[in-house]
Structures are given as structure tokens and as C-alpha cells.
């Protein structure tokens, strides 16, 4: 039995909700592949040109990292 046939048989046993979830998952995989494998989905989550407008928005702002606090002393187990 091929992998495809085994998968089809297993899918035939599943309730409709599981089938919808599997379908969404498979669609996300094909969207991933169609975008060169860069993880971008075919449906934009971010507004159009979001990154073009925000990249470098804080480029001239000073960035200061505060000193790290000491570790909390805890009892041994």
C-alpha cells in the first residue's frame, strides 16, 4: 500500500472537523512552498507595505540597554 493510499484510508475515518484542520494545514504548506519557502503565507497578515513604512523608523533613536539585574537567590530543592 502506498503512503497516499494509507493516508486516504486514514482520512476517510476522521470527522469533518479534523478534515478541515488537515486541509488548512496542507494549504499553509503549499502557501509556504509557493513563496520560495520563506515562511510567508499567501494571505497577508500585515497591512500592505507595513515593513516598508516601519523599517528604519527608529534608526535615529538612541538605544540604551539597562544593566542586568542580579539573579534571584532561591532555596535549593
Protein backbone atom coordinates (compact mmCIF):
# COMPACT_ATOMS: atom_id res chain seq x y z
CA UNK A 1 0.00 0.00 0.00
CA UNK A 2 1.37 3.40 -0.93
CA UNK A 3 1.69 6.26 1.52
CA UNK A 4 -1.01 8.11 -0.42
CA UNK A 5 -3.43 5.18 -0.14
CA UNK A 6 -2.73 4.78 3.60
CA UNK A 7 -3.28 8.50 4.16
CA UNK A 8 -6.54 8.47 2.21
CA UNK A 9 -7.80 5.49 4.20
CA UNK A 10 -6.94 7.21 7.48
CA UNK A 11 -8.59 10.46 6.37
CA UNK A 12 -11.78 8.60 5.47
CA UNK A 13 -12.11 7.58 9.15
CA UNK A 14 -11.83 11.12 10.51
CA UNK A 15 -14.63 13.52 11.48
CA UNK A 16 -15.27 16.62 9.37
CA UNK A 17 -13.56 18.98 11.84
CA UNK A 18 -10.30 17.03 11.62
CA UNK A 19 -10.52 17.07 7.83
CA UNK A 20 -10.95 20.87 7.84
CA UNK A 21 -7.91 21.23 10.12
CA UNK A 22 -5.83 18.97 7.89
CA UNK A 23 -6.91 20.90 4.83
CA UNK A 24 -5.92 24.24 6.42
CA UNK A 25 -2.58 22.75 7.40
CA UNK A 26 -1.93 21.46 3.88
CA UNK A 27 -2.91 24.82 2.40
CA UNK A 28 -0.42 26.54 4.70
CA UNK A 29 2.30 24.18 3.45
CA UNK A 30 1.55 24.86 -0.18
CA UNK A 31 1.48 28.61 0.52
CA UNK A 32 4.88 28.26 2.17
CA UNK A 33 6.31 26.47 -0.87
CA UNK A 34 4.83 28.91 -3.37
CA UNK A 35 6.61 31.80 -1.63
CA UNK A 36 10.05 30.27 -2.06
CA UNK A 37 9.98 28.59 1.34
CA UNK A 38 10.46 31.90 3.13
CA UNK A 39 7.61 31.29 5.55
CA UNK A 40 5.39 33.97 4.05
CA UNK A 41 1.80 33.00 3.66
CA UNK A 42 -0.31 33.76 0.63
CA UNK A 43 -2.77 35.75 2.73
CA UNK A 44 -1.09 38.83 4.18
CA UNK A 45 -1.24 39.08 7.93
CA UNK A 46 0.40 42.51 7.96
CA UNK A 47 -1.08 45.54 6.19
CA UNK A 48 0.24 46.19 2.72
CA UNK A 49 3.72 47.81 2.72
CA UNK A 50 3.84 47.62 6.54
CA UNK A 51 7.52 46.77 6.70
CA UNK A 52 8.49 49.31 4.06
CA UNK A 53 6.92 52.04 6.22
CA UNK A 54 8.26 50.83 9.56
CA UNK A 55 11.77 49.64 8.70
CA UNK A 56 14.23 52.20 10.00
CA UNK A 57 11.54 54.23 11.76
CA UNK A 58 13.68 54.23 14.92
CA UNK A 59 17.03 54.44 13.13
CA UNK A 60 17.95 57.80 14.68
CA UNK A 61 16.66 56.96 18.16
CA UNK A 62 19.28 56.13 20.80
CA UNK A 63 19.11 52.58 22.02
CA UNK A 64 20.16 52.04 25.60
CA UNK A 65 20.13 48.68 27.29
CA UNK A 66 19.76 48.94 31.06
CA UNK A 67 22.17 46.93 33.16
CA UNK A 68 21.01 43.44 34.01
CA UNK A 69 19.59 42.83 37.46
CA UNK A 70 21.25 40.22 39.69
CA UNK A 71 19.85 36.70 39.71
CA UNK A 72 17.29 35.91 42.36
CA UNK A 73 18.70 33.75 45.14
CA UNK A 74 16.45 30.70 45.64
CA UNK A 75 16.39 27.83 48.05
CA UNK A 76 17.85 24.52 46.94
CA UNK A 77 15.32 21.77 46.24
